[in-house]
Protein backbone atom coordinates (compact mmCIF):
# COMPACT_ATOMS: atom_id res chain seq x y z
CA MET A 1 0.00 0.00 0.00
CA GLN A 2 1.39 3.38 -0.91
CA GLY A 3 2.78 5.25 2.05
CA PHE A 4 3.63 2.10 3.99
CA THR A 5 6.70 -0.08 4.21
CA HIS A 6 6.05 -3.75 4.95
CA HIS A 7 7.79 -5.45 7.82
CA PRO A 8 6.34 -8.66 9.25
CA GLY A 9 3.66 -7.41 11.60
CA LEU A 10 4.72 -3.78 11.47
CA TYR A 11 3.82 -1.08 8.98
CA VAL A 12 5.85 2.10 8.95
CA ARG A 13 4.23 5.21 7.51
CA ASN A 14 6.36 7.58 5.52
CA VAL A 15 6.02 10.15 8.29
CA GLY A 16 7.93 7.79 10.53
CA THR A 17 5.21 6.65 12.91
CA LEU A 18 5.04 2.97 13.67
CA GLU A 19 1.77 1.12 13.20
CA HIS A 20 1.14 -2.39 14.35
CA SER A 21 -1.39 -4.45 12.42
CA SER A 22 -2.31 -7.25 14.78
CA SER A 23 -4.84 -8.69 12.32
CA CYS A 24 -2.27 -9.24 9.56
CA VAL A 25 -1.45 -12.87 8.84
CA HIS A 26 2.21 -11.89 8.61
CA TYR A 27 2.03 -10.97 12.28
CA GLN A 28 -0.23 -13.48 14.02
CA ARG A 29 -1.14 -16.02 11.33
CA LEU A 30 -4.86 -15.30 11.64
CA PRO A 31 -5.95 -15.70 8.01
CA TYR A 32 -9.63 -15.98 8.87
CA LYS A 33 -9.57 -12.19 9.22
CA HIS A 34 -8.35 -11.92 5.62
CA GLN A 35 -11.35 -12.90 3.56
CA MET A 36 -10.43 -10.38 0.89
CA GLY A 37 -6.73 -10.40 1.59
CA CYS A 38 -4.55 -7.98 3.49
CA LEU A 39 -5.18 -5.02 1.22
CA PHE A 40 -5.50 -2.46 3.99
CA CYS A 41 -2.35 -3.31 5.91
CA CYS A 42 0.26 -4.76 3.57
CA GLY A 43 -1.40 -5.12 0.18
CA ALA A 44 -1.01 -8.90 -0.02
CA SER A 45 -3.90 -10.91 -1.40
CA ALA A 46 -5.54 -13.87 0.33
CA GLY A 47 -3.92 -16.02 -2.35
CA SER A 48 -0.42 -14.91 -1.49
CA HIS A 49 -1.16 -15.56 2.18
CA LEU A 50 -2.30 -19.09 1.32
CA LEU A 51 0.91 -19.75 -0.59
CA GLU A 52 2.95 -18.36 2.28
CA VAL A 53 1.30 -20.47 4.99
CA ALA A 54 1.53 -23.57 2.78
CA LYS A 55 5.27 -23.01 2.37
CA ASP A 56 5.69 -22.44 6.10
CA GLY A 57 3.84 -25.66 6.90
CA ASP A 58 1.11 -23.96 8.92
CA ALA A 59 -1.77 -26.44 8.52
CA ALA A 60 -4.15 -24.62 10.89
CA ALA A 61 -3.73 -21.29 9.11
CA THR A 62 -4.13 -23.04 5.75
CA PHE A 63 -7.43 -24.56 6.85
CA GLN A 64 -8.72 -21.27 8.28
CA LEU A 65 -7.79 -19.28 5.19
CA VAL A 66 -9.47 -21.71 2.79
CA ALA A 67 -12.51 -22.11 5.05
CA SER A 68 -13.00 -18.34 5.21
CA ASN A 69 -12.43 -17.78 1.48
CA PRO A 70 -12.95 -20.92 -0.66
CA SER A 71 -12.29 -19.08 -3.93
CA VAL A 72 -8.66 -18.67 -2.84
CA LEU A 73 -8.08 -22.26 -4.02
CA ARG A 74 -8.88 -21.20 -7.58
CA LYS A 75 -6.92 -17.97 -7.53
CA ALA A 76 -3.76 -18.64 -5.52
CA GLN A 77 -0.88 -19.46 -7.83
CA GLN A 78 2.75 -18.55 -8.10
CA TRP A 79 4.13 -17.20 -11.35
CA GLY A 80 4.86 -20.72 -12.65
CA GLY A 81 1.34 -21.94 -11.97
CA GLN A 82 2.19 -23.65 -8.70
CA THR A 83 -0.63 -23.79 -6.20
CA ALA A 84 -0.64 -24.28 -2.44
CA TRP A 85 -0.82 -28.02 -3.17
CA HIS A 86 2.43 -27.83 -5.21
CA ILE A 87 4.20 -25.78 -2.57
CA ALA A 88 3.15 -28.00 0.34
CA ALA A 89 4.16 -31.13 -1.59
CA LYS A 90 7.51 -29.63 -2.60
CA GLU A 91 8.23 -28.67 1.01
CA GLY A 92 7.06 -32.06 2.34
CA HIS A 93 4.19 -30.64 4.41
CA ALA A 94 1.80 -33.60 4.43
CA ASP A 95 -0.25 -31.97 7.20
CA VAL A 96 -0.88 -28.93 4.97
CA LEU A 97 -2.03 -31.22 2.15
CA ARG A 98 -4.44 -32.91 4.55
CA SER A 99 -5.60 -29.51 5.76
CA LEU A 100 -6.33 -28.35 2.21
CA ALA A 101 -8.42 -31.45 1.58
CA GLU A 102 -10.23 -31.14 4.91
CA ALA A 103 -11.05 -27.50 4.17
CA VAL A 104 -12.71 -28.60 0.93
CA ARG A 105 -14.59 -31.35 2.74
CA ALA A 106 -15.82 -28.84 5.34
CA MET A 107 -17.33 -26.50 2.74
CA ASP A 108 -21.06 -26.11 2.51
CA PRO A 109 -22.76 -26.73 -0.86
CA GLN A 110 -22.83 -23.02 -1.70
CA GLN A 111 -19.07 -22.74 -1.21
CA LEU A 112 -18.44 -25.90 -3.24
CA LYS A 113 -20.15 -24.28 -6.24
CA LEU A 114 -17.07 -22.06 -6.54
CA LEU A 115 -14.99 -25.17 -7.18
CA TYR A 116 -17.31 -27.15 -9.48
CA LYS A 117 -15.00 -26.62 -12.43
CA TYR A 118 -12.75 -29.16 -10.66
CA GLY A 119 -15.50 -31.78 -10.43
CA GLY A 120 -19.04 -32.40 -9.26
CA THR A 121 -18.22 -34.20 -6.02
CA VAL A 122 -15.98 -33.34 -3.09
CA ASP A 123 -13.64 -36.26 -3.87
CA ASN A 124 -13.34 -35.20 -7.53
CA ILE A 125 -12.65 -31.61 -6.53
CA ILE A 126 -9.90 -32.70 -4.13
CA ARG A 127 -8.39 -35.13 -6.67
CA ASN A 128 -8.35 -32.48 -9.41
CA LEU A 129 -6.96 -29.71 -7.19
CA ALA A 130 -4.28 -32.05 -5.83
CA GLY A 131 -3.42 -33.25 -9.33
CA GLU A 132 -3.31 -29.92 -11.12
CA GLN A 133 -0.26 -29.31 -13.33
CA ASP A 134 1.94 -26.24 -13.15
CA SER A 135 3.48 -24.52 -16.18
CA LYS A 136 6.16 -27.24 -16.40
CA MET A 137 3.45 -29.95 -16.40
CA LEU A 138 4.43 -31.05 -12.89
CA THR A 139 1.81 -32.10 -10.38
CA PRO A 140 2.18 -31.89 -6.60
CA LEU A 141 2.83 -35.65 -6.62
CA HIS A 142 5.74 -35.18 -9.04
CA LEU A 143 7.25 -32.55 -6.76
CA ALA A 144 6.82 -34.63 -3.60
CA CYS A 145 8.56 -37.57 -5.30
CA ILE A 146 11.34 -35.45 -6.81
CA LYS A 147 12.07 -33.95 -3.39
CA GLY A 148 11.87 -37.33 -1.64
CA HIS A 149 8.87 -36.54 0.55
CA ALA A 150 7.27 -39.98 0.90
CA GLU A 151 4.57 -38.97 3.38
CA ALA A 152 3.40 -36.09 1.19
CA ALA A 153 3.35 -38.44 -1.81
CA GLU A 154 1.28 -40.97 0.15
CA VAL A 155 -1.23 -38.31 1.14
CA LEU A 156 -1.61 -37.18 -2.47
CA MET A 157 -2.01 -40.76 -3.70
CA SER A 158 -4.70 -41.33 -1.07
CA TYR A 159 -6.71 -38.63 -2.89
CA GLY A 160 -6.50 -40.59 -6.13
CA VAL A 161 -3.79 -38.48 -7.75
């Protein structure tokens, strides 16, 4: 956001006063407060927060962020097309992969409509999200195997990937 400098949990105005944003996921990992992202404190979108917590291995924050904003699963991608599923698999965070699937399972029918392009049932949605290819045609399962993360690979295979 113009006029602010981002520091994890702290936002410094150009005039030099220090502002603390206790609701920012960068500070307390409370993504459920970021349904539309962190546009008012640091400018980051909900999607970038999802990618960040997936990389950090924060399964609880991952679940909360997806549960509060289901469309983030469709929108959150890195430049190369990698999703939170790719990042969690690459980092070996099997608990984050489980959390992503559980967040989809916990959605009500209205929220699931946002994800119907991935399939008509919860299991199909999870399988298709977990098996999505990035720009190099790699799936999360490929990345888990390449990086030697057996538990993450097992979790992905349990979803039918």
